[in-house]
Amino acid sequence: MNRLITVKLITALFVVFGNSLVFAQTFKIATIAPEGSSWMSDMKRGAEVIEKQTDGRVKFKFYGGGVQGNDKQVQRKMRTGQLQGGAFTSGAMNMFQRDADLFSMPMVFNSIEEVHYVREKMDSVIRERLEQAGYVNFGFAGAGFAYMMSNKPLQTLGELKGQKVWIPEGDPVGFAALRALGIAPVVMPVTDVMTGLQTDLLDSVTVPPVGAVVFQWHTRLKYITDLPVAYVYAAMLIDKKAFSKMSAEDQKITRDVLEGIYRKFDRYGVTDNEEALQALLESGLEMVSPSPSDVREWRGIVNDSNRRLAKDGKFDEALLNQMQALIKGYRDGSAARSR
């Protein structure tokens, strides 16, 4: 009888205090963003707001500077439950859902205005596909365009060939594009790029100016090719099973706070990237410009490569068609422009 009373008492306590006892959770999140960076500062402030609004039931712990390893290692740790999430840039998000890097395909966009137009129409599609794949996300933070930066001026296809060009791990589209251009890319994780530049394993990278500044890669480079190669963006992905352990109320609070932070990142990312580009030029890097005919040649080769990958099932060809139709409509003026 005493045992029955004890069981009933414990059951009653869980009913009354279930939220605080069962759903208290700490999310361990990995990122390559350095400690002290604006990303880390904003995320930590957001975590404080979430913890306060959930009465301590939801907490976040961030591991910055790549201390948890490269993207593949973080993904493995998410699968085993050592981590619940990570912040990833485009070029790596295809590990979680094959279409998640669609907007970062090389040589697709001519201007940031085209990007904005396409994202207005298609962000929700990519976000939903990530959710269906099992990863909660809070929107995309655009960082603007990546540019080729090198130790020698790169203005023609001939000058590109023979270069030791970095490509991040897990970027099949970028890898195929370089191979199509006749370049043998050097694959390594972001965390090894500085070492690669210092030891001459690399002599060219494609990176947003803000990334070159944050990681100090610009100190090992001399030239910037004036051609927007690829649009770069980032997202924080959390394992949906872990996220679903929270109450519906706590999930909503967490989504609301983090989506607000990512809207802020997205709003200021392009401006920050443009300011970083100007800072690089002022620090001594020289801008060189390929000829329009060379640009047309590069775009044609890379677009053919993108199309082949789509037909091979590397990503959804229907989405590629939708994106290209939107870009065409924007360029020829047949689409309504809301931004």
C-alpha atoms as a PDB file:
ATOM      1  CA  MET A   1       0.000   0.000   0.000  1.00  0.00           C
ATOM      2  CA  ASN A   2       2.791   2.432   0.906  1.00  0.00           C
ATOM      3  CA  ARG A   3       4.466   1.730  -2.439  1.00  0.00           C
ATOM      4  CA  LEU A   4       1.205   2.472  -4.278  1.00  0.00           C
ATOM      5  CA  ILE A   5       0.851   5.772  -2.435  1.00  0.00           C
ATOM      6  CA  THR A   6       4.453   6.674  -3.340  1.00  0.00           C
ATOM      7  CA  VAL A   7       3.872   5.943  -7.039  1.00  0.00           C
ATOM      8  CA  LYS A   8       0.698   8.031  -7.039  1.00  0.00           C
ATOM      9  CA  LEU A   9       2.521  10.908  -5.328  1.00  0.00           C
ATOM     10  CA  ILE A  10       5.372  10.845  -7.873  1.00  0.00           C
ATOM     11  CA  THR A  11       2.851  10.746 -10.714  1.00  0.00           C
ATOM     12  CA  ALA A  12       1.031  13.728  -9.267  1.00  0.00           C
ATOM     13  CA  LEU A  13       4.262  15.686  -8.944  1.00  0.00           C
ATOM     14  CA  PHE A  14       5.098  15.063 -12.614  1.00  0.00           C
ATOM     15  CA  VAL A  15       1.633  16.228 -13.627  1.00  0.00           C
ATOM     16  CA  VAL A  16       1.962  19.429 -11.612  1.00  0.00           C
ATOM     17  CA  PHE A  17       5.625  20.188 -12.315  1.00  0.00           C
ATOM     18  CA  GLY A  18       6.044  18.350 -15.635  1.00  0.00           C
ATOM     19  CA  ASN A  19       7.276  21.326 -17.631  1.00  0.00           C
ATOM     20  CA  SER A  20      10.125  22.134 -15.280  1.00  0.00           C
ATOM     21  CA  LEU A  21      11.121  18.536 -14.536  1.00  0.00           C
ATOM     22  CA  VAL A  22      10.738  16.849 -17.912  1.00  0.00           C
ATOM     23  CA  PHE A  23      11.337  19.544 -20.492  1.00  0.00           C
ATOM     24  CA  ALA A  24      14.314  21.423 -19.048  1.00  0.00           C
ATOM     25  CA  GLN A  25      16.955  21.214 -21.760  1.00  0.00           C
ATOM     26  CA  THR A  26      20.336  22.619 -22.749  1.00  0.00           C
ATOM     27  CA  PHE A  27      21.085  22.903 -26.463  1.00  0.00           C
ATOM     28  CA  LYS A  28      24.756  22.566 -27.302  1.00  0.00           C
ATOM     29  CA  ILE A  29      25.492  24.464 -30.528  1.00  0.00           C
ATOM     30  CA  ALA A  30      28.750  24.455 -32.525  1.00  0.00           C
ATOM     31  CA  THR A  31      29.945  27.231 -34.823  1.00  0.00           C
ATOM     32  CA  ILE A  32      33.101  28.415 -36.539  1.00  0.00           C
ATOM     33  CA  ALA A  33      32.264  31.993 -35.482  1.00  0.00           C
ATOM     34  CA  PRO A  34      35.011  33.173 -33.123  1.00  0.00           C
ATOM     35  CA  GLU A  35      34.336  34.090 -29.531  1.00  0.00           C
ATOM     36  CA  GLY A  36      33.683  37.818 -29.378  1.00  0.00           C
ATOM     37  CA  SER A  37      32.241  37.957 -32.895  1.00  0.00           C
ATOM     38  CA  SER A  38      28.953  39.746 -33.483  1.00  0.00           C
ATOM     39  CA  TRP A  39      27.253  36.408 -34.242  1.00  0.00           C
ATOM     40  CA  MET A  40      28.336  34.958 -30.908  1.00  0.00           C
ATOM     41  CA  SER A  41      27.395  38.088 -28.971  1.00  0.00           C
ATOM     42  CA  ASP A  42      23.911  38.294 -30.481  1.00  0.00           C
ATOM     43  CA  MET A  43      23.256  34.586 -30.027  1.00  0.00           C
ATOM     44  CA  LYS A  44      24.297  34.672 -26.385  1.00  0.00           C
ATOM     45  CA  ARG A  45      21.998  37.631 -25.734  1.00  0.00           C
ATOM     46  CA  GLY A  46      19.190  35.738 -27.452  1.00  0.00           C
ATOM     47  CA  ALA A  47      19.906  32.686 -25.293  1.00  0.00           C
ATOM     48  CA  GLU A  48      19.578  34.831 -22.182  1.00  0.00           C
ATOM     49  CA  VAL A  49      16.175  36.073 -23.365  1.00  0.00           C
ATOM     50  CA  ILE A  50      15.011  32.511 -24.076  1.00  0.00           C
ATOM     51  CA  GLU A  51      16.197  31.254 -20.700  1.00  0.00           C
ATOM     52  CA  LYS A  52      14.384  34.078 -18.925  1.00  0.00           C
ATOM     53  CA  GLN A  53      11.127  33.719 -20.882  1.00  0.00           C
ATOM     54  CA  THR A  54      11.062  29.936 -20.327  1.00  0.00           C
ATOM     55  CA  ASP A  55      11.875  30.249 -16.609  1.00  0.00           C
ATOM     56  CA  GLY A  56      15.139  28.396 -17.125  1.00  0.00           C
ATOM     57  CA  ARG A  57      13.665  25.421 -18.947  1.00  0.00           C
ATOM     58  CA  VAL A  58      15.596  26.172 -22.169  1.00  0.00           C
ATOM     59  CA  LYS A  59      19.297  27.010 -22.198  1.00  0.00           C
ATOM     60  CA  PHE A  60      21.941  27.274 -24.899  1.00  0.00           C
ATOM     61  CA  LYS A  61      25.670  26.610 -24.762  1.00  0.00           C
ATOM     62  CA  PHE A  62      27.727  27.771 -27.739  1.00  0.00           C
ATOM     63  CA  TYR A  63      31.083  26.346 -28.815  1.00  0.00           C
ATOM     64  CA  GLY A  64      32.794  28.917 -31.033  1.00  0.00           C
ATOM     65  CA  GLY A  65      35.911  29.029 -33.149  1.00  0.00           C
ATOM     66  CA  GLY A  66      35.461  25.553 -34.609  1.00  0.00           C
ATOM     67  CA  VAL A  67      36.480  23.812 -31.373  1.00  0.00           C
ATOM     68  CA  GLN A  68      33.932  21.047 -32.043  1.00  0.00           C
ATOM     69  CA  GLY A  69      35.547  20.246 -35.380  1.00  0.00           C
ATOM     70  CA  ASN A  70      34.636  20.732 -39.029  1.00  0.00           C
ATOM     71  CA  ASP A  71      31.124  20.549 -40.482  1.00  0.00           C
ATOM     72  CA  LYS A  72      31.170  16.775 -40.944  1.00  0.00           C
ATOM     73  CA  GLN A  73      32.373  16.229 -37.391  1.00  0.00           C
ATOM     74  CA  VAL A  74      29.652  18.515 -36.044  1.00  0.00           C
ATOM     75  CA  GLN A  75      27.062  16.634 -38.073  1.00  0.00           C
ATOM     76  CA  ARG A  76      28.254  13.318 -36.602  1.00  0.00           C
ATOM     77  CA  LYS A  77      28.082  14.733 -33.085  1.00  0.00           C
ATOM     78  CA  MET A  78      24.536  15.881 -33.753  1.00  0.00           C
ATOM     79  CA  ARG A  79      23.602  12.361 -34.824  1.00  0.00           C
ATOM     80  CA  THR A  80      25.020  10.860 -31.625  1.00  0.00           C
ATOM     81  CA  GLY A  81      23.485  13.520 -29.380  1.00  0.00           C
ATOM     82  CA  GLN A  82      26.787  15.081 -28.266  1.00  0.00           C
ATOM     83  CA  LEU A  83      25.562  18.275 -29.904  1.00  0.00           C
ATOM     84  CA  GLN A  84      22.006  19.356 -30.625  1.00  0.00           C
ATOM     85  CA  GLY A  85      22.834  21.775 -33.412  1.00  0.00           C
ATOM     86  CA  GLY A  86      25.286  23.919 -35.297  1.00  0.00           C
ATOM     87  CA  ALA A  87      25.605  27.043 -37.415  1.00  0.00           C
ATOM     88  CA  PHE A  88      26.466  26.198 -41.014  1.00  0.00           C
ATOM     89  CA  THR A  89      27.187  28.212 -44.133  1.00  0.00           C
ATOM     90  CA  SER A  90      25.869  27.425 -47.585  1.00  0.00           C
ATOM     91  CA  GLY A  91      28.088  24.836 -49.187  1.00  0.00           C
ATOM     92  CA  ALA A  92      27.727  22.647 -46.098  1.00  0.00           C
ATOM     93  CA  MET A  93      23.975  22.587 -45.566  1.00  0.00           C
ATOM     94  CA  ASN A  94      23.522  20.042 -48.366  1.00  0.00           C
ATOM     95  CA  MET A  95      24.730  17.475 -45.819  1.00  0.00           C
ATOM     96  CA  PHE A  96      21.383  17.912 -44.104  1.00  0.00           C
ATOM     97  CA  GLN A  97      19.123  18.414 -47.131  1.00  0.00           C
ATOM     98  CA  ARG A  98      20.277  18.257 -50.742  1.00  0.00           C
ATOM     99  CA  ASP A  99      18.513  21.464 -51.868  1.00  0.00           C
ATOM    100  CA  ALA A 100      19.572  23.643 -48.929  1.00  0.00           C
ATOM    101  CA  ASP A 101      22.477  25.221 -50.875  1.00  0.00           C
ATOM    102  CA  LEU A 102      20.376  26.192 -53.898  1.00  0.00           C
ATOM    103  CA  PHE A 103      20.907  29.954 -53.599  1.00  0.00           C
ATOM    104  CA  SER A 104      24.682  29.569 -53.313  1.00  0.00           C
ATOM    105  CA  MET A 105      25.188  27.889 -56.661  1.00  0.00           C
ATOM    106  CA  PRO A 106      28.137  29.557 -58.429  1.00  0.00           C
ATOM    107  CA  MET A 107      27.709  32.045 -61.259  1.00  0.00           C
ATOM    108  CA  VAL A 108      23.897  32.182 -60.948  1.00  0.00           C
ATOM    109  CA  PHE A 109      23.195  35.720 -59.760  1.00  0.00           C
ATOM    110  CA  ASN A 110      24.413  39.014 -61.228  1.00  0.00           C
ATOM    111  CA  SER A 111      23.274  41.272 -58.393  1.00  0.00           C
ATOM    112  CA  ILE A 112      22.103  41.251 -54.795  1.00  0.00           C
ATOM    113  CA  GLU A 113      18.724  42.542 -55.991  1.00  0.00           C
ATOM    114  CA  GLU A 114      18.218  39.316 -57.930  1.00  0.00           C
ATOM    115  CA  VAL A 115      19.041  37.345 -54.805  1.00  0.00           C
ATOM    116  CA  HIS A 116      16.498  39.269 -52.738  1.00  0.00           C
ATOM    117  CA  TYR A 117      13.799  38.718 -55.327  1.00  0.00           C
ATOM    118  CA  VAL A 118      14.408  34.971 -55.549  1.00  0.00           C
ATOM    119  CA  ARG A 119      14.644  34.531 -51.792  1.00  0.00           C
ATOM    120  CA  GLU A 120      11.306  36.267 -51.252  1.00  0.00           C
ATOM    121  CA  LYS A 121       9.715  33.594 -53.411  1.00  0.00           C
ATOM    122  CA  MET A 122      11.722  30.545 -52.378  1.00  0.00           C
ATOM    123  CA  ASP A 123      13.066  30.862 -48.798  1.00  0.00           C
ATOM    124  CA  SER A 124      10.002  29.165 -47.346  1.00  0.00           C
ATOM    125  CA  VAL A 125      10.430  26.184 -49.688  1.00  0.00           C
ATOM    126  CA  ILE A 126      14.031  25.527 -48.638  1.00  0.00           C
ATOM    127  CA  ARG A 127      13.267  26.078 -44.961  1.00  0.00           C
ATOM    128  CA  GLU A 128      10.381  23.611 -45.089  1.00  0.00           C
ATOM    129  CA  ARG A 129      12.539  20.986 -46.794  1.00  0.00           C
ATOM    130  CA  LEU A 130      15.094  21.286 -44.009  1.00  0.00           C
ATOM    131  CA  GLU A 131      12.315  20.846 -41.442  1.00  0.00           C
ATOM    132  CA  GLN A 132      11.025  17.781 -43.294  1.00  0.00           C
ATOM    133  CA  ALA A 133      14.557  16.368 -43.245  1.00  0.00           C
ATOM    134  CA  GLY A 134      14.543  16.684 -39.446  1.00  0.00           C
ATOM    135  CA  TYR A 135      16.260  20.025 -38.827  1.00  0.00           C
ATOM    136  CA  VAL A 136      14.650  23.025 -37.186  1.00  0.00           C
ATOM    137  CA  ASN A 137      15.922  26.308 -38.598  1.00  0.00           C
ATOM    138  CA  PHE A 138      15.272  29.973 -37.963  1.00  0.00           C
ATOM    139  CA  GLY A 139      15.753  31.557 -41.363  1.00  0.00           C
ATOM    140  CA  PHE A 140      18.770  32.352 -43.500  1.00  0.00           C
ATOM    141  CA  ALA A 141      21.354  35.033 -42.807  1.00  0.00           C
ATOM    142  CA  GLY A 142      22.738  36.357 -46.066  1.00  0.00           C
ATOM    143  CA  ALA A 143      26.398  37.394 -46.070  1.00  0.00           C
ATOM    144  CA  GLY A 144      26.480  38.772 -49.606  1.00  0.00           C
ATOM    145  CA  PHE A 145      28.681  37.568 -52.436  1.00  0.00           C
ATOM    146  CA  ALA A 146      31.919  35.627 -52.266  1.00  0.00           C
ATOM    147  CA  TYR A 147      34.830  36.750 -54.458  1.00  0.00           C
ATOM    148  CA  MET A 148      37.986  35.039 -55.628  1.00  0.00           C
ATOM    149  CA  MET A 149      40.974  36.249 -53.609  1.00  0.00           C
ATOM    150  CA  SER A 150      44.456  35.187 -54.589  1.00  0.00           C
ATOM    151  CA  ASN A 151      48.194  35.791 -54.555  1.00  0.00           C
ATOM    152  CA  LYS A 152      48.292  36.428 -58.316  1.00  0.00           C
ATOM    153  CA  PRO A 153      45.854  38.456 -60.423  1.00  0.00           C
ATOM    154  CA  LEU A 154      43.153  36.152 -61.831  1.00  0.00           C
ATOM    155  CA  GLN A 155      41.413  37.711 -64.827  1.00  0.00           C
ATOM    156  CA  THR A 156      41.341  34.947 -67.431  1.00  0.00           C
ATOM    157  CA  LEU A 157      40.603  31.250 -67.480  1.00  0.00           C
ATOM    158  CA  GLY A 158      44.222  30.609 -68.387  1.00  0.00           C
ATOM    159  CA  GLU A 159      45.383  32.398 -65.229  1.00  0.00           C
ATOM    160  CA  LEU A 160      42.987  30.317 -63.141  1.00  0.00           C
ATOM    161  CA  LYS A 161      44.362  27.009 -64.383  1.00  0.00           C
ATOM    162  CA  GLY A 162      47.209  25.717 -62.289  1.00  0.00           C
ATOM    163  CA  GLN A 163      46.102  27.651 -59.228  1.00  0.00           C
ATOM    164  CA  LYS A 164      45.699  25.824 -55.898  1.00  0.00           C
ATOM    165  CA  VAL A 165      42.101  26.871 -55.352  1.00  0.00           C
ATOM    166  CA  TRP A 166      40.364  26.079 -52.070  1.00  0.00           C
ATOM    167  CA  ILE A 167      36.962  24.418 -51.999  1.00  0.00           C
ATOM    168  CA  PRO A 168      35.296  23.557 -48.662  1.00  0.00           C
ATOM    169  CA  GLU A 169      34.487  19.996 -47.725  1.00  0.00           C
ATOM    170  CA  GLY A 170      31.014  18.867 -48.701  1.00  0.00           C
ATOM    171  CA  ASP A 171      30.429  21.325 -51.563  1.00  0.00           C
ATOM    172  CA  PRO A 172      29.780  19.108 -54.610  1.00  0.00           C
ATOM    173  CA  VAL A 173      28.391  21.962 -56.718  1.00  0.00           C
ATOM    174  CA  GLY A 174      31.424  24.181 -56.206  1.00  0.00           C
ATOM    175  CA  PHE A 175      33.777  21.249 -56.718  1.00  0.00           C
ATOM    176  CA  ALA A 176      32.104  20.324 -60.013  1.00  0.00           C
ATOM    177  CA  ALA A 177      32.179  23.947 -61.176  1.00  0.00           C
ATOM    178  CA  LEU A 178      35.932  24.205 -60.650  1.00  0.00           C
ATOM    179  CA  ARG A 179      36.536  20.891 -62.387  1.00  0.00           C
ATOM    180  CA  ALA A 180      34.417  22.079 -65.317  1.00  0.00           C
ATOM    181  CA  LEU A 181      36.663  25.143 -65.559  1.00  0.00           C
ATOM    182  CA  GLY A 182      39.691  22.854 -65.754  1.00  0.00           C
ATOM    183  CA  ILE A 183      40.847  23.555 -62.204  1.00  0.00           C
ATOM    184  CA  ALA A 184      41.900  20.868 -59.719  1.00  0.00           C
ATOM    185  CA  PRO A 185      40.402  22.152 -56.440  1.00  0.00           C
ATOM    186  CA  VAL A 186      42.041  21.644 -53.054  1.00  0.00           C
ATOM    187  CA  VAL A 187      39.436  20.314 -50.615  1.00  0.00           C
ATOM    188  CA  MET A 188      39.825  21.142 -46.929  1.00  0.00           C
ATOM    189  CA  PRO A 189      37.637  22.303 -44.033  1.00  0.00           C
ATOM    190  CA  VAL A 190      37.277  26.005 -43.260  1.00  0.00           C
ATOM    191  CA  THR A 191      39.253  25.531 -40.060  1.00  0.00           C
ATOM    192  CA  ASP A 192      42.383  24.535 -42.072  1.00  0.00           C
ATOM    193  CA  VAL A 193      42.358  27.346 -44.646  1.00  0.00           C
ATOM    194  CA  MET A 194      44.703  29.713 -42.804  1.00  0.00           C
ATOM    195  CA  THR A 195      47.257  26.926 -42.431  1.00  0.00           C
ATOM    196  CA  GLY A 196      46.836  26.150 -46.128  1.00  0.00           C
ATOM    197  CA  LEU A 197      47.575  29.766 -47.055  1.00  0.00           C
ATOM    198  CA  GLN A 198      50.542  29.978 -44.703  1.00  0.00           C
ATOM    199  CA  THR A 199      52.140  26.805 -46.062  1.00  0.00           C
ATOM    200  CA  ASP A 200      51.396  27.453 -49.764  1.00  0.00           C
ATOM    201  CA  LEU A 201      48.993  24.527 -49.991  1.00  0.00           C
ATOM    202  CA  LEU A 202      46.548  27.169 -51.219  1.00  0.00           C
ATOM    203  CA  ASP A 203      47.042  30.304 -53.262  1.00  0.00           C
ATOM    204  CA  SER A 204      43.403  31.195 -53.949  1.00  0.00           C
ATOM    205  CA  VAL A 205      40.144  31.151 -51.986  1.00  0.00           C
ATOM    206  CA  THR A 206      36.585  32.162 -52.788  1.00  0.00           C
ATOM    207  CA  VAL A 207      35.100  33.847 -49.748  1.00  0.00           C
ATOM    208  CA  PRO A 208      32.885  36.791 -48.770  1.00  0.00           C
ATOM    209  CA  PRO A 209      35.017  39.786 -47.775  1.00  0.00           C
ATOM    210  CA  VAL A 210      33.558  39.718 -44.269  1.00  0.00           C
ATOM    211  CA  GLY A 211      34.753  36.111 -43.909  1.00  0.00           C
ATOM    212  CA  ALA A 212      38.235  37.027 -45.143  1.00  0.00           C
ATOM    213  CA  VAL A 213      38.405  39.724 -42.455  1.00  0.00           C
ATOM    214  CA  VAL A 214      36.965  37.662 -39.599  1.00  0.00           C
ATOM    215  CA  PHE A 215      39.322  34.742 -40.242  1.00  0.00           C
ATOM    216  CA  GLN A 216      42.251  37.025 -41.167  1.00  0.00           C
ATOM    217  CA  TRP A 217      42.785  35.216 -44.470  1.00  0.00           C
ATOM    218  CA  HIS A 218      43.276  38.561 -46.203  1.00  0.00           C
ATOM    219  CA  THR A 219      46.674  38.883 -44.511  1.00  0.00           C
ATOM    220  CA  ARG A 220      47.916  36.106 -46.818  1.00  0.00           C
ATOM    221  CA  LEU A 221      46.313  37.383 -50.058  1.00  0.00           C
ATOM    222  CA  LYS A 222      46.979  40.208 -52.546  1.00  0.00           C
ATOM    223  CA  TYR A 223      44.226  40.356 -55.202  1.00  0.00           C
ATOM    224  CA  ILE A 224      40.425  40.318 -55.448  1.00  0.00           C
ATOM    225  CA  THR A 225      38.765  39.404 -58.743  1.00  0.00           C
ATOM    226  CA  ASP A 226      35.845  41.757 -59.349  1.00  0.00           C
ATOM    227  CA  LEU A 227      33.233  39.104 -60.033  1.00  0.00           C
ATOM    228  CA  PRO A 228      30.520  37.946 -57.600  1.00  0.00           C
ATOM    229  CA  VAL A 229      31.093  34.190 -57.695  1.00  0.00           C
ATOM    230  CA  ALA A 230      28.429  32.893 -55.323  1.00  0.00           C
ATOM    231  CA  TYR A 231      25.909  34.182 -52.830  1.00  0.00           C
ATOM    232  CA  VAL A 232      26.761  33.018 -49.319  1.00  0.00           C
ATOM    233  CA  TYR A 233      24.321  32.566 -46.456  1.00  0.00           C
ATOM    234  CA  ALA A 234      24.127  30.721 -43.164  1.00  0.00           C
ATOM    235  CA  ALA A 235      21.627  29.031 -40.903  1.00  0.00           C
ATOM    236  CA  MET A 236      21.496  27.463 -37.481  1.00  0.00           C
ATOM    237  CA  LEU A 237      20.161  23.914 -37.609  1.00  0.00           C
ATOM    238  CA  ILE A 238      18.881  22.033 -34.552  1.00  0.00           C
ATOM    239  CA  ASP A 239      17.975  18.376 -34.475  1.00  0.00           C
ATOM    240  CA  LYS A 240      14.183  18.246 -34.616  1.00  0.00           C
ATOM    241  CA  LYS A 241      13.898  15.328 -32.208  1.00  0.00           C
ATOM    242  CA  ALA A 242      15.792  17.270 -29.564  1.00  0.00           C
ATOM    243  CA  PHE A 243      13.805  20.427 -30.257  1.00  0.00           C
ATOM    244  CA  SER A 244      10.502  18.550 -30.008  1.00  0.00           C
ATOM    245  CA  LYS A 245      11.240  17.503 -26.431  1.00  0.00           C
ATOM    246  CA  MET A 246      10.320  21.040 -25.362  1.00  0.00           C
ATOM    247  CA  SER A 247       6.751  22.060 -24.689  1.00  0.00           C
ATOM    248  CA  ALA A 248       4.904  23.761 -27.539  1.00  0.00           C
ATOM    249  CA  GLU A 249       5.065  27.041 -25.625  1.00  0.00           C
ATOM    250  CA  ASP A 250       8.839  26.841 -25.189  1.00  0.00           C
ATOM    251  CA  GLN A 251       9.302  25.888 -28.829  1.00  0.00           C
ATOM    252  CA  LYS A 252       7.389  29.005 -29.877  1.00  0.00           C
ATOM    253  CA  ILE A 253       9.426  31.248 -27.575  1.00  0.00           C
ATOM    254  CA  THR A 254      12.672  29.802 -28.911  1.00  0.00           C
ATOM    255  CA  ARG A 255      11.598  30.137 -32.536  1.00  0.00           C
ATOM    256  CA  ASP A 256      10.380  33.708 -32.068  1.00  0.00           C
ATOM    257  CA  VAL A 257      13.609  34.889 -30.436  1.00  0.00           C
ATOM    258  CA  LEU A 258      16.013  33.116 -32.806  1.00  0.00           C
ATOM    259  CA  GLU A 259      14.061  34.031 -35.949  1.00  0.00           C
ATOM    260  CA  GLY A 260      14.229  37.664 -34.840  1.00  0.00           C
ATOM    261  CA  ILE A 261      17.999  37.421 -34.485  1.00  0.00           C
ATOM    262  CA  TYR A 262      18.372  35.798 -37.904  1.00  0.00           C
ATOM    263  CA  ARG A 263      16.208  38.487 -39.519  1.00  0.00           C
ATOM    264  CA  LYS A 264      18.656  41.014 -38.056  1.00  0.00           C
ATOM    265  CA  PHE A 265      21.653  39.069 -39.384  1.00  0.00           C
ATOM    266  CA  ASP A 266      20.021  38.897 -42.799  1.00  0.00           C
ATOM    267  CA  ARG A 267      19.169  42.593 -42.815  1.00  0.00           C
ATOM    268  CA  TYR A 268      22.724  43.762 -42.122  1.00  0.00           C
ATOM    269  CA  GLY A 269      24.779  40.984 -43.723  1.00  0.00           C
ATOM    270  CA  VAL A 270      25.117  42.553 -47.171  1.00  0.00           C
ATOM    271  CA  THR A 271      26.073  45.953 -45.747  1.00  0.00           C
ATOM    272  CA  ASP A 272      28.673  44.368 -43.481  1.00  0.00           C
ATOM    273  CA  ASN A 273      30.108  42.481 -46.469  1.00  0.00           C
ATOM    274  CA  GLU A 274      30.335  45.628 -48.589  1.00  0.00           C
ATOM    275  CA  GLU A 275      32.073  47.485 -45.767  1.00  0.00           C
ATOM    276  CA  ALA A 276      34.498  44.577 -45.368  1.00  0.00           C
ATOM    277  CA  LEU A 277      35.284  44.701 -49.097  1.00  0.00           C
ATOM    278  CA  GLN A 278      36.124  48.375 -48.816  1.00  0.00           C
ATOM    279  CA  ALA A 279      38.302  47.653 -45.775  1.00  0.00           C
ATOM    280  CA  LEU A 280      40.220  44.998 -47.736  1.00  0.00           C
ATOM    281  CA  LEU A 281      40.922  47.441 -50.546  1.00  0.00           C
ATOM    282  CA  GLU A 282      42.059  50.065 -48.072  1.00  0.00           C
ATOM    283  CA  SER A 283      44.356  47.517 -46.422  1.00  0.00           C
ATOM    284  CA  GLY A 284      46.224  47.045 -49.703  1.00  0.00           C
ATOM    285  CA  LEU A 285      44.484  44.257 -51.619  1.00  0.00           C
ATOM    286  CA  GLU A 286      44.119  45.134 -55.302  1.00  0.00           C
ATOM    287  CA  MET A 287      40.919  44.706 -57.330  1.00  0.00           C
ATOM    288  CA  VAL A 288      41.354  43.202 -60.804  1.00  0.00           C
ATOM    289  CA  SER A 289      38.584  42.859 -63.390  1.00  0.00           C
ATOM    290  CA  PRO A 290      38.086  40.063 -65.921  1.00  0.00           C
ATOM    291  CA  SER A 291      36.820  41.051 -69.379  1.00  0.00           C
ATOM    292  CA  PRO A 292      33.074  40.696 -70.133  1.00  0.00           C
ATOM    293  CA  SER A 293      33.859  37.969 -72.661  1.00  0.00           C
ATOM    294  CA  ASP A 294      35.773  35.969 -70.027  1.00  0.00           C
ATOM    295  CA  VAL A 295      32.900  36.373 -67.577  1.00  0.00           C
ATOM    296  CA  ARG A 296      30.433  35.090 -70.180  1.00  0.00           C
ATOM    297  CA  GLU A 297      32.673  32.095 -70.842  1.00  0.00           C
ATOM    298  CA  TRP A 298      32.981  31.257 -67.128  1.00  0.00           C
ATOM    299  CA  ARG A 299      29.236  31.612 -66.558  1.00  0.00           C
ATOM    300  CA  GLY A 300      28.410  29.386 -69.508  1.00  0.00           C
ATOM    301  CA  ILE A 301      30.740  26.610 -68.366  1.00  0.00           C
ATOM    302  CA  VAL A 302      29.572  26.739 -64.744  1.00  0.00           C
ATOM    303  CA  ASN A 303      25.875  26.930 -65.604  1.00  0.00           C
ATOM    304  CA  ASP A 304      26.264  23.816 -67.768  1.00  0.00           C
ATOM    305  CA  SER A 305      27.916  22.100 -64.796  1.00  0.00           C
ATOM    306  CA  ASN A 306      25.061  23.121 -62.491  1.00  0.00           C
ATOM    307  CA  ARG A 307      22.535  21.748 -64.958  1.00  0.00           C
ATOM    308  CA  ARG A 308      24.349  18.404 -65.237  1.00  0.00           C
ATOM    309  CA  LEU A 309      24.348  18.007 -61.447  1.00  0.00           C
ATOM    310  CA  ALA A 310      20.613  18.680 -61.368  1.00  0.00           C
ATOM    311  CA  LYS A 311      19.974  16.029 -64.012  1.00  0.00           C
ATOM    312  CA  ASP A 312      22.128  13.607 -62.015  1.00  0.00           C
ATOM    313  CA  GLY A 313      19.887  14.153 -58.976  1.00  0.00           C
ATOM    314  CA  LYS A 314      22.364  16.053 -56.797  1.00  0.00           C
ATOM    315  CA  PHE A 315      19.539  18.504 -56.116  1.00  0.00           C
ATOM    316  CA  ASP A 316      15.976  19.101 -57.297  1.00  0.00           C
ATOM    317  CA  GLU A 317      16.022  20.141 -60.952  1.00  0.00           C
ATOM    318  CA  ALA A 318      12.503  21.583 -60.603  1.00  0.00           C
ATOM    319  CA  LEU A 319      13.780  24.017 -57.969  1.00  0.00           C
ATOM    320  CA  LEU A 320      16.674  25.024 -60.223  1.00  0.00           C
ATOM    321  CA  ASN A 321      14.185  25.666 -63.034  1.00  0.00           C
ATOM    322  CA  GLN A 322      12.011  27.731 -60.704  1.00  0.00           C
ATOM    323  CA  MET A 323      14.977  29.823 -59.551  1.00  0.00           C
ATOM    324  CA  GLN A 324      16.221  30.434 -63.087  1.00  0.00           C
ATOM    325  CA  ALA A 325      12.725  31.401 -64.247  1.00  0.00           C
ATOM    326  CA  LEU A 326      12.483  33.941 -61.433  1.00  0.00           C
ATOM    327  CA  ILE A 327      15.889  35.396 -62.330  1.00  0.00           C
ATOM    328  CA  LYS A 328      14.937  35.620 -65.991  1.00  0.00           C
ATOM    329  CA  GLY A 329      11.675  37.345 -65.109  1.00  0.00           C
ATOM    330  CA  TYR A 330      13.521  39.830 -62.939  1.00  0.00           C
ATOM    331  CA  ARG A 331      16.089  40.623 -65.626  1.00  0.00           C
ATOM    332  CA  ASP A 332      13.650  41.088 -68.496  1.00  0.00           C
ATOM    333  CA  GLY A 333      11.222  43.123 -66.374  1.00  0.00           C
ATOM    334  CA  SER A 334       8.304  40.701 -66.638  1.00  0.00           C
ATOM    335  CA  ALA A 335       8.298  39.994 -62.878  1.00  0.00           C
ATOM    336  CA  ALA A 336       6.822  42.281 -60.270  1.00  0.00           C
ATOM    337  CA  ARG A 337       9.651  43.617 -58.094  1.00  0.00           C
ATOM    338  CA  SER A 338       8.754  44.192 -54.483  1.00  0.00           C
ATOM    339  CA  ARG A 339      12.195  45.147 -53.134  1.00  0.00           C
END
